[in-house]
Amino acid sequence: MKQEIIKSYSKINIGLRILGKRADGYHDIETIFYPVKIYDELGFTISPAEKEFNSVILKSNKSYIPLNADNLCYKAVLNFFKTFRITDTYKIEIDMVKNIPVGGGLGGGSSNAAAVLKFLIRYFKIDIGSNKSKIIDLALSIGSDVPFFLIMKPCYAEGRGEKLKPLKNFKIKYNILVVNPHLHVSTKWAFENLNLPIGFHKDKSLDKISEFDPDKKSEIVNDFEKIVFEKYPLLNEIKNYMLDNGSVFSSMSGSGATVYGLFDPNKKGTLLKCRDEFQKKKYLTFISNAG
């Protein structure tokens, strides 16, 4: 039997542009994925099964987390065993201590799935070098942004989010305040309500960004904000409050419902005042320090 605890970190989107809608119904996007330090903790226990089939037992500290095949962790285990044709049977227990808000645009579910893959790759001693493309395809079979969470470095992403280019010089030298007012925005709903026709296309622009420059923030937009803010005006209020109270840049992450703001690390009082205001309203808040 082996036991291990893994931290499963989240991300924000620095810009998120919808470039097109394909004939298969998927949308082409471009974005910059940036890791932030809010994380879930996943406890793993794996041992040979006494029966001739695998069992996956999921647990969580949150009652609303699905503990069945709808959970991406379950899918990650299933697809891993299929991909690497593992015929021995195991009992796998995954205990998820959730801190990343669900449906918040921070990639918590995808991050958890990537953590499962990392654990299984180590446990079964899968050679990463010779299986790199297979591992990326495996991650993509679970979710479009799961490959990023295997890398966990700033990346420019395009396609469905799976085509990644690491950005070595992209570093946010600001403290990041993450705020979620306990809202859930369905990604499926957000894409459907873009109401884009098949064949829609616009040119890339975020691919030209290699460093974060707050003076060019007009170029860094999230195309989901318009429709999400119309349905959830509270999120727009959070963004505007940050901008009016010291944030050099603020945006919604992913398709919502989390909003983040960037604050000068030399003006910690401004950041804390803003954080305290949101805490008074019982919102989830988290500070990811610069660097």
Protein backbone atom coordinates (compact mmCIF):
# COMPACT_ATOMS: atom_id res chain seq x y z
CA MET A 1 0.00 0.00 0.00
CA LYS A 2 1.20 3.50 -0.81
CA GLN A 3 -0.11 6.77 0.60
CA GLU A 4 0.69 10.29 -0.57
CA ILE A 5 -0.71 13.83 -0.31
CA ILE A 6 -0.41 16.14 -3.33
CA LYS A 7 -1.16 19.86 -3.54
CA SER A 8 -3.34 20.62 -6.55
CA TYR A 9 -2.83 24.28 -7.54
CA SER A 10 -5.16 26.58 -9.50
CA LYS A 11 -4.78 29.07 -12.35
CA ILE A 12 -6.11 32.37 -13.62
CA ASN A 13 -6.56 33.46 -17.21
CA ILE A 14 -4.65 36.54 -18.30
CA GLY A 15 -6.96 37.38 -21.18
CA LEU A 16 -9.31 34.89 -22.81
CA ARG A 17 -10.33 35.45 -26.41
CA ILE A 18 -12.70 33.33 -28.49
CA LEU A 19 -11.14 33.05 -31.95
CA GLY A 20 -13.61 30.83 -33.74
CA LYS A 21 -16.29 28.17 -33.69
CA ARG A 22 -15.51 24.92 -35.44
CA ALA A 23 -17.77 22.55 -37.32
CA ASP A 24 -17.45 20.01 -34.48
CA GLY A 25 -19.00 22.53 -32.10
CA TYR A 26 -15.80 23.28 -30.20
CA HIS A 27 -14.47 26.81 -29.91
CA ASP A 28 -10.92 27.89 -30.65
CA ILE A 29 -9.53 30.14 -27.96
CA GLU A 30 -6.37 31.89 -26.93
CA THR A 31 -5.38 32.70 -23.38
CA ILE A 32 -2.46 32.94 -21.00
CA PHE A 33 -2.67 30.45 -18.15
CA TYR A 34 -0.97 31.68 -14.99
CA PRO A 35 -0.56 29.54 -11.84
CA VAL A 36 -1.81 30.89 -8.52
CA LYS A 37 -1.15 29.54 -5.05
CA ILE A 38 -4.64 28.60 -3.90
CA TYR A 39 -4.76 24.80 -3.86
CA ASP A 40 -6.71 21.68 -3.02
CA GLU A 41 -5.07 18.78 -1.20
CA LEU A 42 -5.53 15.28 -2.56
CA GLY A 43 -4.72 12.30 -0.38
CA PHE A 44 -4.02 9.07 -2.28
CA THR A 45 -4.06 5.49 -1.05
CA ILE A 46 -3.40 2.68 -3.52
CA SER A 47 -3.09 -1.02 -2.88
CA PRO A 48 -3.54 -4.26 -4.87
CA ALA A 49 -7.23 -5.17 -5.12
CA GLU A 50 -8.52 -8.36 -3.55
CA LYS A 51 -11.04 -8.68 -6.38
CA GLU A 52 -10.55 -8.96 -10.13
CA PHE A 53 -11.54 -5.38 -10.88
CA ASN A 54 -10.38 -1.90 -9.98
CA SER A 55 -12.24 0.17 -7.41
CA VAL A 56 -12.03 3.94 -7.14
CA ILE A 57 -13.30 5.47 -3.91
CA LEU A 58 -13.66 9.25 -3.83
CA LYS A 59 -14.11 11.33 -0.69
CA SER A 60 -14.34 15.09 -0.16
CA ASN A 61 -14.79 17.68 2.55
CA LYS A 62 -17.45 19.37 0.37
CA SER A 63 -20.86 17.75 0.09
CA TYR A 64 -21.53 19.12 -3.41
CA ILE A 65 -18.51 17.42 -5.02
CA PRO A 66 -19.62 14.44 -7.17
CA LEU A 67 -18.05 11.24 -5.87
CA ASN A 68 -18.78 9.13 -8.93
CA ALA A 69 -17.82 8.83 -12.60
CA ASP A 70 -18.81 12.48 -13.13
CA ASN A 71 -15.70 13.54 -11.18
CA LEU A 72 -12.65 14.19 -13.38
CA CYS A 73 -10.45 12.33 -10.88
CA TYR A 74 -12.43 9.16 -11.59
CA LYS A 75 -12.09 9.76 -15.33
CA ALA A 76 -8.34 10.33 -14.90
CA VAL A 77 -7.90 6.93 -13.22
CA LEU A 78 -10.04 5.16 -15.83
CA ASN A 79 -8.28 6.74 -18.82
CA PHE A 80 -4.82 6.20 -17.31
CA PHE A 81 -5.40 2.44 -16.92
CA LYS A 82 -6.72 2.21 -20.48
CA THR A 83 -3.90 4.28 -21.98
CA PHE A 84 -1.12 2.28 -20.37
CA ARG A 85 -2.95 -1.05 -20.56
CA ILE A 86 -2.52 -1.88 -16.90
CA THR A 87 -4.11 -5.27 -16.30
CA ASP A 88 -3.41 -5.75 -12.59
CA THR A 89 -6.24 -4.54 -10.36
CA TYR A 90 -6.06 -1.95 -7.58
CA LYS A 91 -8.07 -0.26 -4.91
CA ILE A 92 -7.56 3.50 -5.20
CA GLU A 93 -8.86 5.97 -2.64
CA ILE A 94 -8.72 9.73 -3.29
CA ASP A 95 -9.62 12.13 -0.49
CA MET A 96 -10.15 15.65 -1.85
CA VAL A 97 -9.84 18.60 0.52
CA LYS A 98 -11.32 21.33 -1.66
CA ASN A 99 -10.32 25.00 -1.34
CA ILE A 100 -10.55 26.01 -5.01
CA PRO A 101 -14.15 27.13 -5.72
CA VAL A 102 -16.07 24.84 -8.05
CA GLY A 103 -17.27 26.51 -11.26
CA GLY A 104 -15.06 29.48 -10.48
CA GLY A 105 -12.88 29.62 -13.59
CA LEU A 106 -9.79 28.55 -11.64
CA GLY A 107 -9.53 25.04 -13.08
CA GLY A 108 -9.93 23.13 -9.82
CA GLY A 109 -11.39 19.98 -11.39
CA SER A 110 -8.76 19.87 -14.13
CA SER A 111 -6.00 20.50 -11.60
CA ASN A 112 -7.27 17.61 -9.47
CA ALA A 113 -7.28 15.32 -12.51
CA ALA A 114 -3.70 16.33 -13.35
CA ALA A 115 -2.68 15.55 -9.77
CA VAL A 116 -4.17 12.06 -10.17
CA LEU A 117 -2.16 11.55 -13.36
CA LYS A 118 1.06 12.74 -11.69
CA PHE A 119 0.53 10.31 -8.82
CA LEU A 120 -0.21 7.35 -11.10
CA ILE A 121 2.71 8.16 -13.43
CA ARG A 122 5.08 8.02 -10.45
CA TYR A 123 3.48 4.96 -8.87
CA PHE A 124 3.61 2.91 -12.07
CA LYS A 125 7.04 4.32 -13.02
CA ILE A 126 5.88 5.57 -16.43
CA ASP A 127 8.82 7.03 -18.37
CA ILE A 128 7.78 10.60 -19.16
CA GLY A 129 10.36 11.18 -21.90
CA SER A 130 9.29 8.31 -24.13
CA ASN A 131 5.58 8.74 -23.33
CA LYS A 132 5.27 12.53 -23.48
CA SER A 133 2.80 12.71 -26.38
CA LYS A 134 0.78 9.83 -24.95
CA ILE A 135 0.55 11.60 -21.57
CA ILE A 136 -0.57 14.87 -23.19
CA ASP A 137 -3.23 13.03 -25.22
CA LEU A 138 -4.34 11.28 -22.04
CA ALA A 139 -4.64 14.62 -20.21
CA LEU A 140 -6.58 16.13 -23.11
CA SER A 141 -9.01 13.19 -23.08
CA ILE A 142 -10.03 14.32 -19.58
CA GLY A 143 -10.32 18.07 -20.19
CA SER A 144 -8.97 20.83 -22.43
CA ASP A 145 -6.87 22.53 -19.76
CA VAL A 146 -5.61 19.39 -17.97
CA PRO A 147 -2.34 19.43 -20.00
CA PHE A 148 -1.52 22.86 -18.54
CA PHE A 149 -1.81 21.54 -15.00
CA LEU A 150 0.83 18.94 -15.79
CA ILE A 151 3.21 21.80 -16.66
CA MET A 152 2.08 24.43 -14.11
CA LYS A 153 4.15 27.27 -15.58
CA PRO A 154 2.88 30.40 -17.35
CA CYS A 155 1.78 29.33 -20.83
CA TYR A 156 0.20 30.80 -23.90
CA ALA A 157 -2.60 28.44 -24.93
CA GLU A 158 -4.59 28.12 -28.13
CA GLY A 159 -6.82 25.60 -29.88
CA ARG A 160 -9.18 24.27 -27.20
CA GLY A 161 -6.56 25.32 -24.66
CA GLU A 162 -4.38 22.27 -25.20
CA LYS A 163 -1.75 23.80 -27.51
CA LEU A 164 0.71 25.24 -25.02
CA LYS A 165 3.75 27.47 -25.32
CA PRO A 166 5.62 28.11 -22.05
CA LEU A 167 6.33 31.82 -21.41
CA LYS A 168 9.70 31.92 -19.64
CA ASN A 169 9.67 35.69 -19.09
CA PHE A 170 6.01 36.06 -18.15
CA LYS A 171 6.00 36.89 -14.47
CA ILE A 172 3.37 38.90 -12.62
CA LYS A 173 5.19 41.17 -10.17
CA TYR A 174 1.98 42.05 -8.37
CA ASN A 175 0.06 40.50 -5.52
CA ILE A 176 -3.04 38.75 -6.82
CA LEU A 177 -6.31 39.07 -4.93
CA VAL A 178 -8.73 36.30 -5.88
CA VAL A 179 -12.42 36.82 -5.04
CA ASN A 180 -15.37 34.49 -5.50
CA PRO A 181 -18.82 35.53 -4.17
CA HIS A 182 -19.97 31.89 -3.90
CA LEU A 183 -21.33 31.84 -7.44
CA HIS A 184 -21.08 29.02 -9.97
CA VAL A 185 -21.01 29.74 -13.72
CA SER A 186 -21.43 26.78 -16.05
CA THR A 187 -18.73 26.73 -18.73
CA LYS A 188 -21.18 24.96 -21.05
CA TRP A 189 -23.74 27.72 -20.52
CA ALA A 190 -21.11 30.41 -21.15
CA PHE A 191 -19.97 28.94 -24.46
CA GLU A 192 -23.53 28.34 -25.65
CA ASN A 193 -24.54 31.91 -24.87
CA LEU A 194 -21.73 33.39 -26.92
CA ASN A 195 -24.10 32.56 -29.81
CA LEU A 196 -21.29 32.44 -32.35
CA PRO A 197 -22.00 30.98 -35.80
CA ILE A 198 -19.98 28.04 -37.09
CA GLY A 199 -17.12 29.46 -39.14
CA PHE A 200 -16.75 32.57 -36.97
CA HIS A 201 -13.10 33.66 -36.88
CA LYS A 202 -10.92 36.45 -35.57
CA ASP A 203 -7.16 36.86 -35.45
CA LYS A 204 -4.92 36.12 -32.48
CA SER A 205 -3.39 38.90 -30.42
CA LEU A 206 -2.34 37.44 -27.06
CA ASP A 207 0.37 35.40 -28.81
CA LYS A 208 2.40 38.60 -29.11
CA ILE A 209 2.57 39.04 -25.33
CA SER A 210 5.69 37.66 -23.62
CA GLU A 211 5.67 39.82 -20.48
CA PHE A 212 2.88 41.31 -18.40
CA ASP A 213 2.62 45.09 -18.88
CA PRO A 214 -0.25 46.84 -17.03
CA ASP A 215 0.07 49.79 -19.43
CA LYS A 216 -1.18 47.49 -22.20
CA LYS A 217 -4.10 46.11 -20.23
CA SER A 218 -6.58 47.17 -22.91
CA GLU A 219 -5.18 44.34 -25.04
CA ILE A 220 -5.86 41.75 -22.32
CA VAL A 221 -9.59 41.07 -22.44
CA ASN A 222 -11.86 38.20 -21.43
CA ASP A 223 -14.55 37.67 -24.06
CA PHE A 224 -16.83 35.93 -21.55
CA GLU A 225 -17.18 39.01 -19.37
CA LYS A 226 -19.92 40.62 -21.46
CA ILE A 227 -22.42 37.76 -21.24
CA VAL A 228 -21.46 36.66 -17.71
CA PHE A 229 -21.63 40.19 -16.28
CA GLU A 230 -25.08 40.64 -17.82
CA LYS A 231 -26.38 37.60 -15.94
CA TYR A 232 -24.26 38.11 -12.81
CA PRO A 233 -23.76 41.90 -12.38
CA LEU A 234 -22.23 41.27 -8.96
CA LEU A 235 -19.08 40.03 -10.70
CA ASN A 236 -18.80 43.30 -12.61
CA GLU A 237 -19.24 45.18 -9.34
CA ILE A 238 -16.34 43.23 -7.81
CA LYS A 239 -14.12 44.01 -10.79
CA ASN A 240 -14.98 47.72 -10.70
CA TYR A 241 -14.45 47.90 -6.93
CA MET A 242 -10.94 46.52 -7.35
CA LEU A 243 -10.12 48.96 -10.13
CA ASP A 244 -11.48 51.87 -8.09
CA ASN A 245 -9.51 50.83 -5.01
CA GLY A 246 -5.93 50.36 -6.13
CA SER A 247 -5.86 47.40 -8.51
CA VAL A 248 -3.69 48.04 -11.58
CA PHE A 249 -5.60 45.35 -13.49
CA SER A 250 -8.69 43.25 -12.83
CA SER A 251 -10.44 40.55 -14.80
CA MET A 252 -12.72 37.57 -14.55
CA SER A 253 -10.91 34.25 -14.78
CA GLY A 254 -12.12 31.71 -17.31
CA SER A 255 -15.87 31.77 -17.77
CA GLY A 256 -16.33 32.88 -14.14
CA ALA A 257 -17.32 33.18 -11.39
CA THR A 258 -14.00 34.31 -9.91
CA VAL A 259 -12.57 37.80 -10.33
CA TYR A 260 -8.97 38.70 -9.58
CA GLY A 261 -7.12 41.97 -9.17
CA LEU A 262 -3.41 42.79 -9.33
CA PHE A 263 -2.01 45.07 -6.62
CA ASP A 264 1.34 46.81 -6.22
CA PRO A 265 3.33 44.78 -3.63
CA ASN A 266 4.64 48.06 -2.19
CA LYS A 267 1.08 49.09 -1.32
CA LYS A 268 0.03 46.14 0.83
CA GLY A 269 -2.41 48.29 2.80
CA THR A 270 -4.47 48.94 -0.33
CA LEU A 271 -4.66 45.23 -1.05
CA LEU A 272 -5.64 44.30 2.51
CA LYS A 273 -8.30 47.02 2.66
CA CYS A 274 -9.84 45.67 -0.53
CA ARG A 275 -9.62 42.09 0.73
CA ASP A 276 -11.24 43.03 4.04
CA GLU A 277 -14.16 44.69 2.27
CA PHE A 278 -14.91 41.47 0.39
CA GLN A 279 -14.49 39.37 3.52
CA LYS A 280 -17.13 41.49 5.26
CA LYS A 281 -19.52 40.26 2.58
CA LYS A 282 -18.49 36.65 3.30
CA TYR A 283 -16.93 36.20 -0.14
CA LEU A 284 -14.16 33.68 -0.64
CA THR A 285 -10.90 35.62 -0.82
CA PHE A 286 -7.31 34.54 -1.32
CA ILE A 287 -4.03 36.40 -1.82
CA SER A 288 -1.36 34.91 -4.06
CA ASN A 289 1.81 36.92 -3.43
CA ALA A 290 3.95 38.35 -6.24
CA GLY A 291 6.29 35.90 -7.92
